[in-house]
Amino acid sequence: MDRRELENRTKTFNVRVIKFCNILPKTAAGYELAKQLIRAAGSVGANYRVTKRAKSDADFVNKLGIVLEEADESHYWLEVIRDAEITITSQELEDLIKEAYELTAIFTAAERTAKQNKRSK
């Protein structure tokens, strides 16, 4: 997967999360979970785009680490929504959990590679 495809995938993930959060109940828990999830999911794509402006290899690794943290946090909030039964478990929720897991795995591997490349220079 090239950079452009991953940028599109992270943006699509954010848009899907926003649409999903619109169906969460209008309760204190629903609002708070939606806020946390939308922030984390949006940060995945936004921070990934920023990695291309890294000033050094170390800066790139640092920025990629932030992307990884936000992808993992998104995964966490989606699991909380499912496990707390905030909404009826839907295929969309399960698909978002899977996507958050896959993005976390992708960015874990990317961070590992970037760190190895940085050490080999």
Protein backbone atom coordinates (compact mmCIF):
# COMPACT_ATOMS: atom_id res chain seq x y z
CA MET A 1 0.00 0.00 0.00
CA ASP A 2 1.49 3.33 -1.00
CA ARG A 3 1.35 6.60 0.94
CA ARG A 4 -1.60 7.99 -1.03
CA GLU A 5 -3.69 4.87 -0.51
CA LEU A 6 -2.96 4.95 3.22
CA GLU A 7 -3.84 8.65 3.42
CA ASN A 8 -7.18 7.87 1.75
CA ARG A 9 -7.75 4.87 4.00
CA THR A 10 -7.16 6.89 7.17
CA LYS A 11 -9.45 9.68 5.96
CA THR A 12 -12.16 7.18 5.05
CA PHE A 13 -11.82 5.67 8.52
CA ASN A 14 -12.38 9.10 10.06
CA VAL A 15 -15.46 9.78 7.92
CA ARG A 16 -16.92 6.36 8.76
CA VAL A 17 -16.35 6.99 12.47
CA ILE A 18 -18.11 10.37 12.26
CA LYS A 19 -21.12 8.79 10.53
CA PHE A 20 -21.16 5.97 13.07
CA CYS A 21 -21.04 8.41 16.00
CA ASN A 22 -24.13 10.15 14.64
CA ILE A 23 -26.15 7.05 15.55
CA LEU A 24 -24.88 6.80 19.12
CA PRO A 25 -27.51 7.59 21.76
CA LYS A 26 -27.89 11.21 22.80
CA THR A 27 -26.82 10.50 26.37
CA ALA A 28 -23.87 11.70 28.45
CA ALA A 29 -22.01 8.47 27.68
CA GLY A 30 -22.90 8.60 23.99
CA TYR A 31 -21.69 12.18 23.63
CA GLU A 32 -18.45 11.57 25.54
CA LEU A 33 -17.60 8.39 23.65
CA ALA A 34 -18.38 10.04 20.32
CA LYS A 35 -16.17 13.00 21.23
CA GLN A 36 -13.23 10.79 22.24
CA LEU A 37 -13.59 8.48 19.25
CA ILE A 38 -13.96 11.25 16.66
CA ARG A 39 -10.91 13.02 18.08
CA ALA A 40 -8.75 9.89 18.00
CA ALA A 41 -9.91 8.73 14.56
CA GLY A 42 -9.40 12.19 13.08
CA SER A 43 -5.96 12.37 14.57
CA VAL A 44 -4.91 9.16 12.80
CA GLY A 45 -5.34 10.63 9.33
CA ALA A 46 -4.29 14.17 10.18
CA ASN A 47 -1.09 13.09 11.88
CA TYR A 48 -0.27 10.57 9.17
CA ARG A 49 -0.43 13.37 6.59
CA VAL A 50 1.96 15.41 8.73
CA THR A 51 4.60 12.64 8.65
CA LYS A 52 5.53 13.67 5.12
CA ARG A 53 6.69 17.01 6.50
CA ALA A 54 9.06 15.46 9.03
CA LYS A 55 12.29 17.42 9.38
CA SER A 56 14.44 14.38 10.14
CA ASP A 57 14.30 10.62 10.53
CA ALA A 58 13.81 11.07 14.28
CA ASP A 59 10.96 13.51 13.68
CA PHE A 60 9.35 11.04 11.26
CA VAL A 61 9.54 8.22 13.82
CA ASN A 62 8.07 10.51 16.48
CA LYS A 63 5.18 11.59 14.26
CA LEU A 64 4.52 7.99 13.24
CA GLY A 65 4.40 7.06 16.92
CA ILE A 66 1.61 9.58 17.44
CA VAL A 67 -0.34 8.05 14.53
CA LEU A 68 0.08 4.61 16.09
CA GLU A 69 -1.12 5.83 19.50
CA GLU A 70 -4.22 7.42 17.97
CA ALA A 71 -5.06 4.32 15.90
CA ASP A 72 -4.78 2.18 19.03
CA GLU A 73 -6.88 4.67 20.99
CA SER A 74 -9.56 4.55 18.29
CA HIS A 75 -9.56 0.78 18.58
CA TYR A 76 -9.97 1.10 22.35
CA TRP A 77 -12.97 3.46 22.17
CA LEU A 78 -14.71 1.28 19.58
CA GLU A 79 -14.30 -1.75 21.83
CA VAL A 80 -15.65 0.23 24.80
CA ILE A 81 -18.74 1.18 22.79
CA ARG A 82 -19.28 -2.47 21.90
CA ASP A 83 -18.55 -3.89 25.35
CA ALA A 84 -20.64 -1.28 27.22
CA GLU A 85 -23.48 -1.92 24.77
CA ILE A 86 -23.81 1.80 24.10
CA THR A 87 -25.46 0.97 20.80
CA ILE A 88 -26.77 -2.16 19.19
CA THR A 89 -23.76 -4.07 17.92
CA SER A 90 -23.84 -3.62 14.19
CA GLN A 91 -21.79 -4.81 11.27
CA GLU A 92 -20.49 -1.25 10.89
CA LEU A 93 -19.20 -1.24 14.47
CA GLU A 94 -17.47 -4.59 13.95
CA ASP A 95 -16.02 -3.37 10.64
CA LEU A 96 -14.69 -0.22 12.33
CA ILE A 97 -13.10 -2.29 15.10
CA LYS A 98 -11.44 -4.45 12.45
CA GLU A 99 -10.22 -1.38 10.53
CA ALA A 100 -8.82 0.23 13.69
CA TYR A 101 -7.01 -3.03 14.47
CA GLU A 102 -5.59 -3.21 10.94
CA LEU A 103 -4.46 0.43 11.00
CA THR A 104 -2.78 -0.17 14.34
CA ALA A 105 -0.97 -3.18 12.87
CA ILE A 106 0.07 -1.23 9.76
CA PHE A 107 1.46 1.66 11.79
CA THR A 108 3.17 -0.69 14.25
CA ALA A 109 5.02 -2.30 11.35
CA ALA A 110 5.78 1.08 9.79
CA GLU A 111 7.18 2.42 13.04
CA ARG A 112 9.34 -0.68 13.50
CA THR A 113 10.70 -0.34 9.95
CA ALA A 114 11.34 3.39 10.37
CA LYS A 115 13.26 2.77 13.59
CA GLN A 116 15.35 0.05 11.92
CA ASN A 117 16.08 2.29 8.94
CA LYS A 118 17.07 5.12 11.26
CA ARG A 119 19.52 2.85 13.12
CA SER A 120 21.09 1.53 9.91
CA LYS A 121 22.06 5.01 8.69
